[in-house]
């Protein structure tokens, strides 16, 4: 990928879809907002020490949200997660978001921020 193909988000213009399954711009943006909310939730969960009652309530809310999305499950080849190259993080929440600053055929520079979700599991090593 050449450096002149990097857009304002710092992400190159790669089309991983190869067919008609590419989401509309409105769906792409909404899905990215949903993924960003999930990333935020993961950080808050990692930082939280709720009561059992609150944990049970949140579990119910998450089960309801998962049920609402379950009816929209598609084959892996049509999924949106991990394939939105126009967004830093590609609309997936498994790994931290890499924000590209520049890239060429020889080099990529960027930054990544590790929130509590990624760091909280390391605290037990200190004790």
Protein backbone atom coordinates (compact mmCIF):
# COMPACT_ATOMS: atom_id res chain seq x y z
CA UNK A 1 0.00 0.00 0.00
CA UNK A 2 1.41 3.37 -0.86
CA UNK A 3 1.44 6.29 1.53
CA UNK A 4 -0.81 8.33 -0.78
CA UNK A 5 -3.67 5.89 -0.12
CA UNK A 6 -3.90 6.80 3.58
CA UNK A 7 -7.09 8.71 4.39
CA UNK A 8 -7.78 11.27 7.12
CA UNK A 9 -8.26 8.54 9.75
CA UNK A 10 -4.75 7.31 9.03
CA UNK A 11 -5.99 4.01 7.67
CA UNK A 12 -5.26 2.83 4.17
CA UNK A 13 -8.03 2.27 1.66
CA UNK A 14 -8.14 -1.51 1.51
CA UNK A 15 -11.31 -3.29 0.38
CA UNK A 16 -11.53 -6.64 2.18
CA UNK A 17 -15.08 -7.22 0.96
CA UNK A 18 -14.59 -8.16 -2.68
CA UNK A 19 -18.31 -8.31 -3.28
CA UNK A 20 -21.74 -6.86 -2.54
CA UNK A 21 -21.54 -7.53 1.23
CA UNK A 22 -19.89 -4.18 2.02
CA UNK A 23 -22.07 -2.35 4.59
CA UNK A 24 -23.72 0.95 3.73
CA UNK A 25 -21.94 4.05 5.09
CA UNK A 26 -24.68 4.45 7.73
CA UNK A 27 -24.34 0.83 8.90
CA UNK A 28 -20.53 1.04 8.85
CA UNK A 29 -20.59 4.14 11.08
CA UNK A 30 -23.23 2.71 13.43
CA UNK A 31 -21.33 -0.57 13.75
CA UNK A 32 -18.13 1.33 14.60
CA UNK A 33 -20.03 3.32 17.28
CA UNK A 34 -21.33 0.02 18.72
CA UNK A 35 -17.81 -1.41 18.75
CA UNK A 36 -16.44 1.71 20.45
CA UNK A 37 -19.15 1.36 23.11
CA UNK A 38 -18.08 -2.25 23.62
CA UNK A 39 -14.43 -1.20 24.00
CA UNK A 40 -15.48 1.39 26.57
CA UNK A 41 -17.57 -1.22 28.40
CA UNK A 42 -14.63 -3.65 28.47
CA UNK A 43 -12.45 -1.01 30.14
CA UNK A 44 -15.14 -0.15 32.68
CA UNK A 45 -15.76 -3.84 33.49
CA UNK A 46 -12.05 -4.30 34.09
CA UNK A 47 -11.99 -1.33 36.47
CA UNK A 48 -15.21 -2.19 38.31
CA UNK A 49 -15.81 -4.13 41.50
CA UNK A 50 -19.62 -4.20 41.57
CA UNK A 51 -21.92 -5.79 44.08
CA UNK A 52 -23.28 -9.22 43.21
CA UNK A 53 -26.69 -7.66 42.52
CA UNK A 54 -25.24 -5.16 40.04
CA UNK A 55 -23.16 -7.89 38.34
CA UNK A 56 -26.30 -10.01 37.97
CA UNK A 57 -28.25 -7.04 36.59
CA UNK A 58 -25.52 -6.23 34.05
CA UNK A 59 -25.36 -9.92 33.04
CA UNK A 60 -29.07 -9.77 32.23
CA UNK A 61 -28.64 -6.58 30.21
CA UNK A 62 -25.78 -8.16 28.24
CA UNK A 63 -27.77 -11.33 27.62
CA UNK A 64 -30.62 -9.18 26.27
CA UNK A 65 -28.26 -7.22 24.01
CA UNK A 66 -26.66 -10.45 22.74
CA UNK A 67 -30.12 -11.84 21.98
CA UNK A 68 -31.00 -8.71 20.01
CA UNK A 69 -27.90 -9.17 17.82
CA UNK A 70 -28.12 -12.95 17.49
CA UNK A 71 -30.85 -12.81 14.87
CA UNK A 72 -28.47 -10.82 12.63
CA UNK A 73 -25.65 -13.39 12.68
CA UNK A 74 -24.09 -13.97 9.25
CA UNK A 75 -21.38 -16.19 7.85
CA UNK A 76 -17.84 -15.12 8.64
CA UNK A 77 -17.34 -13.97 5.05
CA UNK A 78 -20.09 -11.36 5.50
CA UNK A 79 -19.32 -10.18 9.04
CA UNK A 80 -18.42 -6.55 9.64
CA UNK A 81 -16.13 -7.00 12.66
CA UNK A 82 -12.46 -6.79 11.79
CA UNK A 83 -13.05 -5.76 8.19
CA UNK A 84 -13.71 -2.02 8.35
CA UNK A 85 -10.33 -0.74 7.27
CA UNK A 86 -11.55 2.86 7.23
CA UNK A 87 -11.70 2.82 11.04
CA UNK A 88 -8.75 2.44 13.38
CA UNK A 89 -9.33 -0.92 15.05
CA UNK A 90 -11.29 -2.22 12.06
CA UNK A 91 -14.49 -2.32 14.16
CA UNK A 92 -13.34 -5.20 16.33
CA UNK A 93 -12.80 -5.15 20.08
CA UNK A 94 -10.40 -8.06 20.55
CA UNK A 95 -7.19 -6.04 20.39
CA UNK A 96 -6.35 -2.40 21.11
CA UNK A 97 -6.82 0.18 18.39
CA UNK A 98 -3.72 0.94 16.33
CA UNK A 99 -3.80 4.49 15.00
CA UNK A 100 -1.56 4.86 11.97
CA UNK A 101 0.49 8.02 11.61
CA UNK A 102 2.23 7.07 8.38
CA UNK A 103 2.95 4.04 6.30
CA UNK A 104 4.82 3.04 3.20
CA UNK A 105 5.88 -0.25 1.66
CA UNK A 106 8.88 -0.30 4.03
CA UNK A 107 7.59 1.15 7.29
CA UNK A 108 4.50 1.80 9.38
CA UNK A 109 4.42 4.18 12.34
CA UNK A 110 1.55 4.69 14.72
CA UNK A 111 0.39 4.56 18.29
CA UNK A 112 -1.67 2.24 20.44
CA UNK A 113 -3.28 2.83 23.83
CA UNK A 114 -3.77 -0.08 26.22
CA UNK A 115 -6.81 0.52 28.43
CA UNK A 116 -7.69 -1.29 31.65
CA UNK A 117 -9.20 -4.16 29.69
CA UNK A 118 -5.77 -5.10 28.37
CA UNK A 119 -3.72 -4.18 31.44
CA UNK A 120 -5.85 -5.37 34.34
CA UNK A 121 -4.81 -9.00 33.90
CA UNK A 122 -1.16 -8.09 34.50
CA UNK A 123 -1.71 -6.70 38.01
CA UNK A 124 -1.63 -10.10 39.69
CA UNK A 125 2.06 -10.45 38.75
CA UNK A 126 2.95 -7.58 41.11
CA UNK A 127 1.71 -9.35 44.24
